[in-house]
Amino acid sequence: MNFYNVKKREAVTVADANCKKVVYKRKTSKGVQERYAVRAQDDDGTNLTKFLNKAAYEKLGCPKA
């Protein structure tokens, strides 16, 4: 999966086995908002996050965090 590393200022590729799926939930005035994301860590230790839509999130084979 491709991520953008802000420390390196370039796109990096991380193996799907090293990624974890995450759902961020927050309460709003209209109900609960859910944001779907994939988290990983680069070889230099930088935490990487990429937000996805629900359909792309469900297609991924990554384990859930």
C-alpha atoms as a PDB file:
ATOM      1  CA  MET A   1       0.000   0.000   0.000  1.00  0.00           C
ATOM      2  CA  ASN A   2       1.231   3.500  -0.783  1.00  0.00           C
ATOM      3  CA  PHE A   3       1.534   6.155   1.927  1.00  0.00           C
ATOM      4  CA  TYR A   4       3.010   9.643   2.040  1.00  0.00           C
ATOM      5  CA  ASN A   5       5.837  10.061   4.551  1.00  0.00           C
ATOM      6  CA  VAL A   6       5.908  13.690   5.730  1.00  0.00           C
ATOM      7  CA  LYS A   7       9.418  13.376   7.219  1.00  0.00           C
ATOM      8  CA  LYS A   8      10.915  12.139   3.954  1.00  0.00           C
ATOM      9  CA  ARG A   9       8.511  14.244   1.832  1.00  0.00           C
ATOM     10  CA  GLU A  10       7.936  11.368  -0.561  1.00  0.00           C
ATOM     11  CA  ALA A  11       5.624   8.472  -1.240  1.00  0.00           C
ATOM     12  CA  VAL A  12       6.591   5.156   0.341  1.00  0.00           C
ATOM     13  CA  THR A  13       5.292   1.627  -0.154  1.00  0.00           C
ATOM     14  CA  VAL A  14       4.511  -0.625   2.814  1.00  0.00           C
ATOM     15  CA  ALA A  15       3.642  -4.321   2.509  1.00  0.00           C
ATOM     16  CA  ASP A  16      -0.009  -5.163   3.227  1.00  0.00           C
ATOM     17  CA  ALA A  17       1.123  -7.592   5.929  1.00  0.00           C
ATOM     18  CA  ASN A  18       2.549  -4.655   7.918  1.00  0.00           C
ATOM     19  CA  CYS A  19      -0.649  -2.547   7.716  1.00  0.00           C
ATOM     20  CA  LYS A  20      -3.566  -2.505  10.144  1.00  0.00           C
ATOM     21  CA  LYS A  21      -7.140  -1.372   9.510  1.00  0.00           C
ATOM     22  CA  VAL A  22      -8.616   1.147  11.951  1.00  0.00           C
ATOM     23  CA  VAL A  23     -12.034   2.804  12.348  1.00  0.00           C
ATOM     24  CA  TYR A  24     -12.069   6.200  14.038  1.00  0.00           C
ATOM     25  CA  LYS A  25     -15.419   7.088  15.611  1.00  0.00           C
ATOM     26  CA  ARG A  26     -16.493  10.421  17.043  1.00  0.00           C
ATOM     27  CA  LYS A  27     -19.788  11.765  18.260  1.00  0.00           C
ATOM     28  CA  THR A  28     -21.225  14.737  16.385  1.00  0.00           C
ATOM     29  CA  SER A  29     -24.487  16.631  16.682  1.00  0.00           C
ATOM     30  CA  LYS A  30     -25.931  14.480  13.870  1.00  0.00           C
ATOM     31  CA  GLY A  31     -24.816  11.144  15.300  1.00  0.00           C
ATOM     32  CA  VAL A  32     -21.638   9.078  15.191  1.00  0.00           C
ATOM     33  CA  GLN A  33     -19.126   9.747  12.424  1.00  0.00           C
ATOM     34  CA  GLU A  34     -16.940   6.867  11.277  1.00  0.00           C
ATOM     35  CA  ARG A  35     -13.700   7.351   9.352  1.00  0.00           C
ATOM     36  CA  TYR A  36     -11.917   4.365   7.844  1.00  0.00           C
ATOM     37  CA  ALA A  37      -8.120   4.300   7.754  1.00  0.00           C
ATOM     38  CA  VAL A  38      -5.057   2.121   7.376  1.00  0.00           C
ATOM     39  CA  ARG A  39      -2.090   2.559   9.753  1.00  0.00           C
ATOM     40  CA  ALA A  40       1.495   1.454   9.262  1.00  0.00           C
ATOM     41  CA  GLN A  41       5.015   2.325  10.320  1.00  0.00           C
ATOM     42  CA  ASP A  42       7.836   3.200   7.914  1.00  0.00           C
ATOM     43  CA  ASP A  43      11.358   1.781   8.189  1.00  0.00           C
ATOM     44  CA  ASP A  44      12.571   5.003   9.862  1.00  0.00           C
ATOM     45  CA  GLY A  45       9.878   4.746  12.563  1.00  0.00           C
ATOM     46  CA  THR A  46       7.450   7.311  11.140  1.00  0.00           C
ATOM     47  CA  ASN A  47       3.795   6.504  11.785  1.00  0.00           C
ATOM     48  CA  LEU A  48       1.773   6.519   8.569  1.00  0.00           C
ATOM     49  CA  THR A  49      -2.001   6.896   8.179  1.00  0.00           C
ATOM     50  CA  LYS A  50      -4.118   6.765   5.030  1.00  0.00           C
ATOM     51  CA  PHE A  51      -7.852   7.459   5.045  1.00  0.00           C
ATOM     52  CA  LEU A  52     -10.097   5.396   2.755  1.00  0.00           C
ATOM     53  CA  ASN A  53     -13.743   5.120   1.858  1.00  0.00           C
ATOM     54  CA  LYS A  54     -15.763   2.250   3.311  1.00  0.00           C
ATOM     55  CA  ALA A  55     -15.731   0.127   0.135  1.00  0.00           C
ATOM     56  CA  ALA A  56     -11.936   0.256  -0.210  1.00  0.00           C
ATOM     57  CA  TYR A  57     -11.539  -0.404   3.532  1.00  0.00           C
ATOM     58  CA  GLU A  58     -13.614  -3.589   3.357  1.00  0.00           C
ATOM     59  CA  LYS A  59     -11.702  -4.926   0.313  1.00  0.00           C
ATOM     60  CA  LEU A  60      -8.324  -4.790   2.073  1.00  0.00           C
ATOM     61  CA  GLY A  61      -6.823  -7.981   3.440  1.00  0.00           C
ATOM     62  CA  CYS A  62      -5.040  -6.248   6.331  1.00  0.00           C
ATOM     63  CA  PRO A  63      -5.809  -7.330   9.898  1.00  0.00           C
ATOM     64  CA  LYS A  64      -7.904  -5.057  12.092  1.00  0.00           C
ATOM     65  CA  ALA A  65      -6.115  -3.213  14.892  1.00  0.00           C
END
